[in-house]
Amino acid sequence: MILEADIKAQLDQYLQLLENDVLLKVSAGTDKLSSDMLVLVDELATMSSKIKVENTTLERTPSFSVNRIGEDTGVTFAGIPLGHEFTSLVLALLQVSGRAPKVDQKVIDQVKAIKGDYHFETYVSLSCHNCPDVVQALNVMSVLNPGITHTMIDGAAFKEEVESKKVMAVPTVLLNGEEFGSGRMSLEEILAKMGSTVDPSELSDKDPFDVLVIGGGPSGASAAVYAARKGIRTGIVAERFGGQIMDTLGIENFISVKYTEGPKLAASLEEHVKEYDIDIMNLQRAKRLEKKDLIEVELESGAVLKSKSVILSTGARWRNVGVPGEAEFKNKGVAYCPHCDGPLFEGKHVAVIGGGNSGIEAAIDLAGIVKHVTVIEFAEELKADSVLQDRLNSLPNTTVIKNAQTKEITGTDKVNGITYIDRATKEEHHVELEGVFVQIGLVPNTDWLGDAVERTRTGEIVVDKRGATNIPGVFAAGDCTDSAYKQIIISMGSGATAALGAFDYLIRN
């Protein structure tokens, strides 16, 4: 038995929603993985009379495809889609059976309008919380458009293929055999990458907003909800809904929720925002802000939005080390997400740059997968909580190098080592390894603002107790501001503060 009792109970409820028969075409060998896959397929078939099974030969073994009766629908799983990908399997079964995907009709029409043959392949790890979004988006496209096919490939099940194609980060997507993209991508982002985009004039023609929120993370979502509840015309511009929490796995300090995961919280935020009359403009990045009679925000697409007040909630991103080799070997050994990419480095020697909480947590996680972890910390002491340091020090396959300045990440076609300088002796050292995980904090996404609002030396937007900036009508919230602490719950509170501050500004002006 592959599925645990509680998962089977949940699955049973979902399988009752199947609308038509589904055929699983199975390609299995005599190996252990194939036999486990057959057990899963048989369990599914015994749970619903609408699931049929037949043996076949597919491009990869072990794998199985999910099809409508009488056609190859184009959805294939190579490996066993458990872990984070189990939801992808359940959704594929439902959607292939005829149940409509939860996607805006406008997006469905975009997918159906695509002409040509597109064969997508996505390399995943089952512990990756970013991968299911990509897998599910491409599966939906395959279900909606007969010219599109998609195969999910578990990198751990097809190690030789991963090595030969030099896949060193997940999710990595190939289109017709060529690299298409890597990292989390929404359905809308994939369509944009394929050239299907919103006409900028559609956005520029919008009437002015009372409040325009820039950013769709926790602070932006909170600000938009608080503004909309005041009954004023509210818009939200988001490069991707959820912001940085989309890259966060376990969240255990969100008060009243003992445990959740970033993508799950992001989906809840978006769902809550959609409960209100808020104009959501997704996949849009701000380029310029200017105060005139109204406040104008120009987007990278060329569109210009106007509003009586603006709330900046653009968040932050991972800070780069800024040394030679970092950019060159990104996704070729340089990584930023240990949960996602860790399994690809099984049995290898890796380094973690950064000795704060995120760095030491990454090192602890990786130590359970890789051969050895070397932590490189610039300061004379680690900054992580003592409980994390104690845990790290108890592990047999970790080394900590303190007071070390990273000089270069070396390699040819992929990472082969890291060079650092001992800050006490000024001596240069080189460590041979195959992966480097960068965990050195955050940098605010405010470069685009230039001198439009007052910022600190490190780029954080300066705000007062109401979230107001030095420009009348412009407010800011969350990790892009000079708030003392960067936490989800603090961002949400600051978003609410900024929205109330903006509403107060509007009624006084």
Protein backbone atom coordinates (compact mmCIF):
# COMPACT_ATOMS: atom_id res chain seq x y z
CA MET A 1 0.00 0.00 0.00
CA ILE A 2 1.46 3.36 -1.09
CA LEU A 3 -1.23 5.71 0.26
CA GLU A 4 -1.76 6.19 4.00
CA ALA A 5 -5.25 5.75 5.42
CA ASP A 6 -5.97 9.46 6.02
CA ILE A 7 -4.82 10.40 2.50
CA LYS A 8 -6.97 7.61 1.04
CA ALA A 9 -10.00 8.95 2.93
CA GLN A 10 -9.45 12.43 1.44
CA LEU A 11 -8.76 10.98 -1.99
CA ASP A 12 -11.96 8.94 -1.88
CA GLN A 13 -13.96 12.18 -1.56
CA TYR A 14 -12.17 13.74 -4.54
CA LEU A 15 -12.58 10.68 -6.77
CA GLN A 16 -16.33 10.87 -6.27
CA LEU A 17 -16.13 14.15 -8.25
CA LEU A 18 -14.86 12.38 -11.42
CA GLU A 19 -17.28 13.24 -14.22
CA ASN A 20 -16.30 10.71 -16.91
CA ASP A 21 -14.08 7.66 -17.27
CA VAL A 22 -10.31 8.17 -17.20
CA LEU A 23 -7.75 5.77 -18.70
CA LEU A 24 -4.31 5.41 -17.10
CA LYS A 25 -1.78 4.07 -19.64
CA VAL A 26 1.05 2.52 -17.65
CA SER A 27 4.63 1.88 -18.72
CA ALA A 28 6.33 -0.28 -16.05
CA GLY A 29 9.47 -2.38 -15.76
CA THR A 30 10.66 -4.90 -13.18
CA ASP A 31 12.42 -2.37 -10.92
CA LYS A 32 11.28 -1.36 -7.41
CA LEU A 33 10.03 2.07 -8.55
CA SER A 34 7.89 0.47 -11.26
CA SER A 35 6.34 -1.96 -8.78
CA ASP A 36 5.57 0.91 -6.37
CA MET A 37 3.99 2.88 -9.23
CA LEU A 38 1.83 -0.14 -10.15
CA VAL A 39 0.65 -0.38 -6.54
CA LEU A 40 -0.39 3.30 -6.64
CA VAL A 41 -2.20 2.90 -9.98
CA ASP A 42 -3.99 -0.24 -8.75
CA GLU A 43 -5.05 1.56 -5.55
CA LEU A 44 -6.53 4.39 -7.64
CA ALA A 45 -8.38 1.92 -9.90
CA THR A 46 -9.87 0.04 -6.95
CA MET A 47 -11.11 3.31 -5.42
CA SER A 48 -13.16 4.41 -8.47
CA SER A 49 -14.95 2.45 -11.19
CA LYS A 50 -14.29 5.41 -13.49
CA ILE A 51 -10.51 4.81 -13.49
CA LYS A 52 -9.39 2.23 -16.07
CA VAL A 53 -5.83 0.90 -16.52
CA GLU A 54 -3.98 -0.51 -19.52
CA ASN A 55 -0.33 -1.40 -20.09
CA THR A 56 1.65 0.37 -22.80
CA THR A 57 5.15 1.61 -23.62
CA LEU A 58 5.83 5.30 -23.00
CA GLU A 59 8.97 7.39 -23.54
CA ARG A 60 10.09 6.78 -19.94
CA THR A 61 9.72 3.81 -17.60
CA PRO A 62 8.30 3.93 -15.00
CA SER A 63 5.60 6.42 -16.03
CA PHE A 64 1.87 6.66 -16.72
CA SER A 65 -0.36 8.99 -18.70
CA VAL A 66 -3.82 10.25 -17.76
CA ASN A 67 -6.23 10.20 -20.69
CA ARG A 68 -9.79 10.67 -21.80
CA ILE A 69 -11.18 7.46 -23.29
CA GLY A 70 -10.21 7.18 -26.94
CA GLU A 71 -7.52 9.88 -26.97
CA ASP A 72 -4.03 10.74 -25.73
CA THR A 73 -4.78 13.77 -23.57
CA GLY A 74 -1.10 14.69 -23.12
CA VAL A 75 -0.69 14.54 -19.32
CA THR A 76 2.10 12.17 -18.17
CA PHE A 77 3.80 11.50 -14.83
CA ALA A 78 7.30 9.97 -15.03
CA GLY A 79 8.03 8.57 -11.58
CA ILE A 80 5.55 8.44 -8.72
CA PRO A 81 3.73 11.76 -8.11
CA LEU A 82 3.61 11.69 -4.32
CA GLY A 83 4.86 14.33 -1.85
CA HIS A 84 4.03 17.83 -3.08
CA GLU A 85 3.02 16.41 -6.49
CA PHE A 86 0.17 14.25 -5.18
CA THR A 87 -2.20 17.22 -5.59
CA SER A 88 -1.05 17.50 -9.21
CA LEU A 89 -2.13 13.90 -9.79
CA VAL A 90 -5.53 14.39 -8.16
CA LEU A 91 -6.22 17.56 -10.18
CA ALA A 92 -5.12 15.84 -13.41
CA LEU A 93 -7.58 12.99 -12.78
CA LEU A 94 -10.43 15.43 -12.12
CA GLN A 95 -9.67 17.73 -15.06
CA VAL A 96 -9.14 14.95 -17.59
CA SER A 97 -12.46 13.46 -16.44
CA GLY A 98 -14.17 16.68 -17.50
CA ARG A 99 -14.22 18.79 -14.34
CA ALA A 100 -13.41 22.39 -15.28
CA PRO A 101 -10.11 23.78 -13.90
CA LYS A 102 -10.38 26.75 -11.51
CA VAL A 103 -8.98 29.21 -14.02
CA ASP A 104 -10.39 32.54 -15.25
CA GLN A 105 -12.30 32.18 -18.53
CA LYS A 106 -10.03 34.81 -20.10
CA VAL A 107 -7.01 32.56 -19.41
CA ILE A 108 -8.84 29.46 -20.69
CA ASP A 109 -9.56 31.30 -23.95
CA GLN A 110 -5.86 32.30 -24.23
CA VAL A 111 -4.76 28.66 -23.83
CA LYS A 112 -7.29 27.35 -26.35
CA ALA A 113 -6.21 29.97 -28.89
CA ILE A 114 -2.58 28.74 -29.00
CA LYS A 115 -1.73 27.17 -32.37
CA GLY A 116 1.03 24.62 -32.99
CA ASP A 117 2.59 21.65 -31.20
CA TYR A 118 4.16 22.23 -27.79
CA HIS A 119 5.73 19.38 -25.83
CA PHE A 120 6.62 20.50 -22.29
CA GLU A 121 8.74 18.51 -19.80
CA THR A 122 9.16 19.60 -16.17
CA TYR A 123 11.91 18.21 -13.94
CA VAL A 124 10.80 18.27 -10.30
CA SER A 125 11.72 16.99 -6.87
CA LEU A 126 8.87 15.69 -4.75
CA SER A 127 9.98 17.86 -1.82
CA CYS A 128 9.79 21.04 -3.94
CA HIS A 129 6.90 23.33 -2.97
CA ASN A 130 7.39 25.49 -6.07
CA CYS A 131 7.12 22.64 -8.58
CA PRO A 132 3.38 21.79 -8.31
CA ASP A 133 2.33 25.24 -9.53
CA VAL A 134 4.27 24.72 -12.76
CA VAL A 135 3.19 21.08 -13.17
CA GLN A 136 -0.48 21.92 -12.59
CA ALA A 137 -0.40 24.91 -14.95
CA LEU A 138 1.11 22.88 -17.79
CA ASN A 139 -1.28 19.98 -17.12
CA VAL A 140 -4.23 22.39 -17.41
CA MET A 141 -2.84 23.63 -20.75
CA SER A 142 -2.54 20.03 -21.97
CA VAL A 143 -6.14 19.28 -20.96
CA LEU A 144 -7.47 22.41 -22.70
CA ASN A 145 -5.41 22.34 -25.91
CA PRO A 146 -4.81 19.17 -27.99
CA GLY A 147 -1.60 20.68 -29.41
CA ILE A 148 0.02 20.81 -25.95
CA THR A 149 1.47 17.88 -23.97
CA HIS A 150 3.23 17.84 -20.61
CA THR A 151 5.34 15.30 -18.73
CA MET A 152 6.30 15.69 -15.07
CA ILE A 153 9.68 14.00 -14.42
CA ASP A 154 10.80 13.18 -10.88
CA GLY A 155 14.52 13.99 -10.94
CA ALA A 156 15.29 11.43 -8.21
CA ALA A 157 13.73 8.66 -10.34
CA PHE A 158 15.61 9.62 -13.51
CA LYS A 159 19.03 10.60 -12.16
CA GLU A 160 20.99 9.72 -15.32
CA GLU A 161 18.69 11.89 -17.45
CA VAL A 162 18.99 14.77 -14.98
CA GLU A 163 22.79 14.48 -15.01
CA SER A 164 23.01 14.26 -18.80
CA LYS A 165 20.82 17.33 -19.27
CA LYS A 166 22.67 19.17 -16.46
CA VAL A 167 19.46 19.92 -14.55
CA MET A 168 20.61 21.41 -11.23
CA ALA A 169 17.52 23.32 -10.10
CA VAL A 170 13.82 22.54 -9.96
CA PRO A 171 11.41 23.12 -11.45
CA THR A 172 13.22 23.21 -14.81
CA VAL A 173 10.94 23.26 -17.86
CA LEU A 174 11.90 22.18 -21.36
CA LEU A 175 9.78 23.06 -24.40
CA ASN A 176 10.29 20.83 -27.45
CA GLY A 177 13.63 19.75 -25.99
CA GLU A 178 14.99 23.26 -25.33
CA GLU A 179 15.15 24.99 -21.93
CA PHE A 180 12.03 27.15 -21.49
CA GLY A 181 12.39 28.35 -17.91
CA SER A 182 13.16 27.49 -14.32
CA GLY A 183 11.65 28.35 -10.97
CA ARG A 184 8.04 28.95 -10.02
CA MET A 185 5.80 30.06 -12.90
CA SER A 186 2.05 30.60 -12.88
CA LEU A 187 -0.17 29.73 -15.84
CA GLU A 188 -0.33 33.43 -16.73
CA GLU A 189 3.48 33.71 -16.60
CA ILE A 190 3.87 30.70 -18.90
CA LEU A 191 1.41 32.24 -21.37
CA ALA A 192 3.29 35.56 -21.22
CA LYS A 193 6.56 33.71 -21.89
CA MET A 194 4.87 32.14 -24.94
CA GLY A 195 3.93 35.63 -26.19
CA SER A 196 0.29 35.75 -25.06
CA THR A 197 0.01 39.01 -23.07
CA VAL A 198 -2.46 41.71 -22.01
CA ASP A 199 -2.66 44.77 -24.29
CA PRO A 200 -1.11 47.72 -22.32
CA SER A 201 -3.83 50.06 -23.64
CA GLU A 202 -6.40 47.97 -21.73
CA LEU A 203 -4.68 48.99 -18.50
CA SER A 204 -4.02 52.63 -19.43
CA ASP A 205 -7.71 53.12 -20.25
CA LYS A 206 -8.78 52.32 -16.67
CA ASP A 207 -10.40 55.10 -14.63
CA PRO A 208 -8.27 56.52 -11.80
CA PHE A 209 -8.25 54.52 -8.57
CA ASP A 210 -8.80 55.85 -5.07
CA VAL A 211 -6.11 53.48 -3.78
CA LEU A 212 -3.64 51.61 -5.99
CA VAL A 213 -1.59 48.91 -4.26
CA ILE A 214 1.74 47.94 -5.86
CA GLY A 215 2.64 44.38 -4.81
CA GLY A 216 0.66 41.24 -4.07
CA GLY A 217 2.41 39.76 -1.03
CA PRO A 218 0.99 39.66 2.53
CA SER A 219 1.23 43.45 3.01
CA GLY A 220 -0.27 44.22 -0.42
CA ALA A 221 -3.15 41.77 0.02
CA SER A 222 -3.88 43.14 3.49
CA ALA A 223 -3.78 46.74 2.23
CA ALA A 224 -6.11 45.95 -0.69
CA VAL A 225 -8.67 44.18 1.54
CA TYR A 226 -8.67 47.02 4.11
CA ALA A 227 -9.02 49.65 1.37
CA ALA A 228 -11.81 47.79 -0.45
CA ARG A 229 -13.75 47.36 2.79
CA LYS A 230 -13.94 51.17 2.98
CA GLY A 231 -15.96 51.09 -0.25
CA ILE A 232 -13.39 52.98 -2.33
CA ARG A 233 -12.13 52.10 -5.81
CA THR A 234 -9.15 49.78 -5.22
CA GLY A 235 -6.65 48.24 -7.62
CA ILE A 236 -3.70 45.94 -7.03
CA VAL A 237 -0.72 45.49 -9.35
CA ALA A 238 1.25 42.30 -8.70
CA GLU A 239 4.22 40.75 -10.45
CA ARG A 240 3.13 37.47 -8.85
CA PHE A 241 0.48 37.07 -6.20
CA GLY A 242 1.87 35.97 -2.84
CA GLY A 243 5.27 37.56 -3.34
CA GLN A 244 8.19 36.06 -1.46
CA ILE A 245 6.07 33.70 0.65
CA MET A 246 5.67 31.65 -2.55
CA ASP A 247 9.30 30.61 -1.91
CA THR A 248 8.72 29.82 1.77
CA LEU A 249 8.00 26.27 2.85
CA GLY A 250 7.08 25.83 6.51
CA ILE A 251 5.46 28.75 8.37
CA GLU A 252 5.10 28.08 12.10
CA ASN A 253 4.91 31.60 13.57
CA PHE A 254 1.71 32.87 11.92
CA ILE A 255 -0.33 33.32 15.07
CA SER A 256 -3.44 31.08 15.37
CA VAL A 257 -2.19 28.83 12.54
CA LYS A 258 0.23 26.27 13.98
CA TYR A 259 1.63 25.28 10.59
CA THR A 260 1.06 26.27 6.98
CA GLU A 261 3.11 26.54 3.81
CA GLY A 262 3.88 29.64 1.75
CA PRO A 263 2.02 28.70 -1.46
CA LYS A 264 -1.03 27.65 0.58
CA LEU A 265 -1.07 30.97 2.43
CA ALA A 266 -0.58 32.85 -0.87
CA ALA A 267 -3.59 31.05 -2.38
CA SER A 268 -5.66 32.03 0.68
CA LEU A 269 -4.56 35.67 0.33
CA GLU A 270 -5.60 35.76 -3.32
CA GLU A 271 -8.91 34.07 -2.53
CA HIS A 272 -9.61 36.67 0.19
CA VAL A 273 -8.74 39.59 -2.10
CA LYS A 274 -11.07 38.20 -4.79
CA GLU A 275 -13.96 38.32 -2.28
CA TYR A 276 -13.95 42.10 -2.76
CA ASP A 277 -14.41 44.41 -5.74
CA ILE A 278 -10.67 44.82 -6.29
CA ASP A 279 -9.20 45.23 -9.77
CA ILE A 280 -6.34 42.68 -9.82
CA MET A 281 -3.67 43.30 -12.46
CA ASN A 282 -1.36 40.30 -12.35
CA LEU A 283 2.03 39.80 -14.03
CA GLN A 284 2.72 43.53 -14.02
CA ARG A 285 5.88 45.18 -12.73
CA ALA A 286 6.05 48.87 -11.82
CA LYS A 287 8.69 50.98 -13.54
CA ARG A 288 8.15 54.61 -12.46
CA LEU A 289 6.14 56.62 -9.91
CA GLU A 290 5.40 60.32 -10.35
CA LYS A 291 3.22 62.71 -8.32
CA LYS A 292 1.13 65.05 -10.51
CA ASP A 293 -2.50 66.07 -9.94
CA LEU A 294 -2.97 62.35 -9.51
CA ILE A 295 -0.20 59.85 -8.76
CA GLU A 296 0.95 58.09 -11.92
CA VAL A 297 2.47 54.61 -11.93
CA GLU A 298 4.06 53.48 -15.20
CA LEU A 299 4.37 49.72 -15.72
CA GLU A 300 7.12 47.92 -17.63
CA SER A 301 4.51 47.01 -20.25
CA GLY A 302 4.18 50.75 -21.03
CA ALA A 303 0.76 51.11 -19.41
CA VAL A 304 0.22 54.10 -17.07
CA LEU A 305 -2.18 53.77 -14.12
CA LYS A 306 -3.50 56.78 -12.17
CA SER A 307 -4.66 56.96 -8.56
CA LYS A 308 -5.47 59.44 -5.81
CA SER A 309 -3.26 57.45 -3.41
CA VAL A 310 -0.72 54.64 -3.75
CA ILE A 311 0.49 51.96 -1.33
CA LEU A 312 3.95 50.55 -2.15
CA SER A 313 4.24 46.94 -0.96
CA THR A 314 6.84 45.53 -3.33
CA GLY A 315 8.53 43.32 -0.73
CA ALA A 316 12.07 42.02 -0.92
CA ARG A 317 14.13 39.37 -2.70
CA TRP A 318 17.07 37.12 -1.84
CA ARG A 319 20.30 39.09 -1.53
CA ASN A 320 23.09 38.03 -3.91
CA VAL A 321 26.66 37.54 -2.72
CA GLY A 322 27.85 39.53 -5.74
CA VAL A 323 30.99 37.51 -6.47
CA PRO A 324 32.28 36.10 -9.78
CA GLY A 325 30.56 32.83 -10.66
CA GLU A 326 27.29 33.49 -8.82
CA ALA A 327 25.30 34.70 -11.83
CA GLU A 328 27.16 32.47 -14.30
CA PHE A 329 26.34 29.28 -12.38
CA LYS A 330 22.81 30.10 -11.23
CA ASN A 331 20.80 26.87 -11.67
CA LYS A 332 24.11 25.15 -12.54
CA GLY A 333 25.10 24.58 -8.93
CA VAL A 334 24.25 27.97 -7.42
CA ALA A 335 20.84 27.75 -5.72
CA TYR A 336 18.71 29.74 -3.28
CA CYS A 337 16.07 27.20 -2.15
CA PRO A 338 17.35 24.18 -0.17
CA HIS A 339 13.88 22.59 0.00
CA CYS A 340 13.45 22.68 -3.78
CA ASP A 341 16.92 21.97 -5.07
CA GLY A 342 18.44 20.00 -2.18
CA PRO A 343 17.41 16.54 -3.53
CA LEU A 344 19.36 17.19 -6.75
CA PHE A 345 22.58 17.32 -4.68
CA GLU A 346 22.07 13.96 -2.95
CA GLY A 347 25.43 12.45 -1.98
CA LYS A 348 27.37 15.56 -3.00
CA HIS A 349 29.42 18.20 -1.14
CA VAL A 350 27.75 21.62 -0.95
CA ALA A 351 28.31 24.97 0.77
CA VAL A 352 25.84 27.32 2.42
CA ILE A 353 26.84 31.00 2.42
CA GLY A 354 25.31 32.68 5.47
CA GLY A 355 25.20 31.95 9.19
CA GLY A 356 21.86 33.51 10.10
CA ASN A 357 18.71 31.51 10.88
CA SER A 358 17.91 30.85 7.21
CA GLY A 359 21.49 29.74 6.48
CA ILE A 360 21.75 27.35 9.41
CA GLU A 361 18.25 25.96 8.81
CA ALA A 362 19.31 25.32 5.19
CA ALA A 363 22.50 23.59 6.33
CA ILE A 364 20.56 21.34 8.73
CA ASP A 365 18.05 20.39 6.01
CA LEU A 366 20.76 19.72 3.44
CA ALA A 367 22.84 17.62 5.85
CA GLY A 368 20.11 14.98 5.74
CA ILE A 369 20.46 14.69 1.95
CA VAL A 370 23.98 15.55 0.85
CA LYS A 371 27.37 14.05 1.68
CA HIS A 372 28.78 17.13 3.41
CA VAL A 373 27.77 20.75 4.11
CA THR A 374 30.27 23.58 4.60
CA VAL A 375 28.82 26.76 6.13
CA ILE A 376 30.69 29.96 5.24
CA GLU A 377 29.98 32.97 7.48
CA PHE A 378 31.48 36.45 6.96
CA ALA A 379 31.29 37.48 10.63
CA GLU A 380 33.38 36.13 13.51
CA GLU A 381 30.35 34.33 14.97
CA LEU A 382 27.18 32.76 13.58
CA LYS A 383 24.05 34.92 13.93
CA ALA A 384 21.56 32.04 14.07
CA ASP A 385 19.56 31.17 17.20
CA SER A 386 21.53 29.00 19.64
CA VAL A 387 19.05 26.11 19.33
CA LEU A 388 19.81 25.94 15.58
CA GLN A 389 23.57 26.17 16.16
CA ASP A 390 23.39 23.30 18.68
CA ARG A 391 21.49 21.17 16.18
CA LEU A 392 24.02 21.94 13.42
CA ASN A 393 26.96 21.15 15.67
CA SER A 394 25.43 17.75 16.52
CA LEU A 395 25.52 16.66 12.87
CA PRO A 396 28.52 14.58 11.72
CA ASN A 397 28.70 15.88 8.13
CA THR A 398 28.90 19.65 8.61
CA THR A 399 31.79 22.12 8.82
CA VAL A 400 31.52 25.78 9.82
CA ILE A 401 34.04 28.34 8.55
CA LYS A 402 33.69 31.74 10.26
CA ASN A 403 35.29 35.10 9.56
CA ALA A 404 35.47 34.15 5.86
CA GLN A 405 34.88 36.41 2.87
CA THR A 406 33.58 34.59 -0.20
CA LYS A 407 35.76 35.59 -3.17
CA GLU A 408 34.55 33.44 -6.07
CA ILE A 409 32.32 30.51 -7.01
CA THR A 410 34.33 28.43 -9.48
CA GLY A 411 33.37 26.01 -12.23
CA THR A 412 33.40 25.23 -15.95
CA ASP A 413 29.94 24.23 -17.16
CA LYS A 414 28.77 23.85 -13.53
CA VAL A 415 30.01 24.63 -10.01
CA ASN A 416 33.16 22.80 -8.87
CA GLY A 417 34.22 24.84 -5.86
CA ILE A 418 34.26 28.01 -3.80
CA THR A 419 37.18 30.32 -2.93
CA TYR A 420 37.20 32.37 0.29
CA ILE A 421 39.61 34.63 2.16
CA ASP A 422 40.31 34.12 5.87
CA ARG A 423 39.64 37.66 7.16
CA ALA A 424 42.07 37.22 10.09
CA THR A 425 45.11 35.89 8.20
CA LYS A 426 44.22 37.23 4.69
CA GLU A 427 45.02 33.75 3.34
CA GLU A 428 43.04 32.43 0.37
CA HIS A 429 41.45 28.97 0.52
CA HIS A 430 39.54 26.82 -1.99
CA VAL A 431 36.95 24.15 -1.18
CA GLU A 432 36.02 21.63 -3.86
CA LEU A 433 32.26 21.06 -3.99
CA GLU A 434 29.33 20.73 -6.38
CA GLY A 435 26.72 23.15 -5.07
CA VAL A 436 26.42 26.52 -3.32
CA PHE A 437 23.26 27.68 -1.52
CA VAL A 438 23.11 31.44 -0.91
CA GLN A 439 21.28 32.46 2.29
CA ILE A 440 22.40 35.98 3.25
CA GLY A 441 19.18 37.87 3.82
CA LEU A 442 16.99 40.18 1.79
CA VAL A 443 17.16 43.32 -0.33
CA PRO A 444 14.06 45.53 -0.87
CA ASN A 445 12.45 45.69 -4.33
CA THR A 446 12.61 49.48 -4.55
CA ASP A 447 15.29 50.21 -7.17
CA TRP A 448 12.60 51.30 -9.65
CA LEU A 449 11.59 54.20 -7.40
CA GLY A 450 14.85 56.13 -7.76
CA ASP A 451 14.44 59.46 -5.94
CA ALA A 452 10.62 59.44 -6.14
CA VAL A 453 10.33 58.72 -2.39
CA GLU A 454 12.78 58.88 0.51
CA ARG A 455 14.72 55.64 1.02
CA THR A 456 17.44 54.53 3.43
CA ARG A 457 21.00 53.79 2.35
CA THR A 458 20.00 50.13 1.83
CA GLY A 459 16.96 51.04 -0.26
CA GLU A 460 14.20 50.65 2.34
CA ILE A 461 11.31 53.14 2.03
CA VAL A 462 11.10 55.50 5.01
CA VAL A 463 7.59 55.56 6.53
CA ASP A 464 5.91 57.11 9.59
CA LYS A 465 3.53 55.45 12.05
CA ARG A 466 0.67 55.69 9.52
CA GLY A 467 2.71 54.11 6.73
CA ALA A 468 3.08 57.48 4.97
CA THR A 469 6.18 58.32 2.91
CA ASN A 470 7.56 61.83 2.36
CA ILE A 471 5.28 62.21 -0.70
CA PRO A 472 1.64 63.15 0.14
CA GLY A 473 -0.69 60.34 -0.88
CA VAL A 474 2.07 57.74 -1.21
CA PHE A 475 2.20 55.09 1.53
CA ALA A 476 4.30 51.94 1.94
CA ALA A 477 4.10 48.67 3.85
CA GLY A 478 5.92 45.40 4.46
CA ASP A 479 9.47 44.25 3.74
CA CYS A 480 10.20 47.13 1.32
CA THR A 481 10.01 49.62 4.22
CA ASP A 482 12.35 50.52 7.08
CA SER A 483 10.28 48.48 9.55
CA ALA A 484 12.49 46.97 12.25
CA TYR A 485 11.50 43.34 11.60
CA LYS A 486 10.61 41.43 8.44
CA GLN A 487 7.88 38.93 9.28
CA ILE A 488 4.66 37.89 7.49
CA ILE A 489 2.45 38.90 10.39
CA ILE A 490 4.16 42.31 10.69
CA SER A 491 3.79 42.88 6.94
CA MET A 492 0.07 42.18 7.12
CA GLY A 493 -0.33 44.62 9.99
CA SER A 494 1.62 47.31 8.18
CA GLY A 495 -0.52 46.77 5.06
CA ALA A 496 -3.65 47.41 7.11
CA THR A 497 -2.02 50.50 8.67
CA ALA A 498 -1.07 51.90 5.26
CA ALA A 499 -4.60 51.33 3.89
CA LEU A 500 -6.17 53.10 6.87
CA GLY A 501 -3.60 55.88 6.49
CA ALA A 502 -4.46 56.23 2.79
CA PHE A 503 -8.20 56.32 3.54
CA ASP A 504 -7.62 59.01 6.18
CA TYR A 505 -5.56 60.99 3.63
CA LEU A 506 -8.38 60.73 1.03
CA ILE A 507 -11.14 61.95 3.33
CA ARG A 508 -9.00 64.90 4.48
CA ASN A 509 -8.09 65.88 0.91
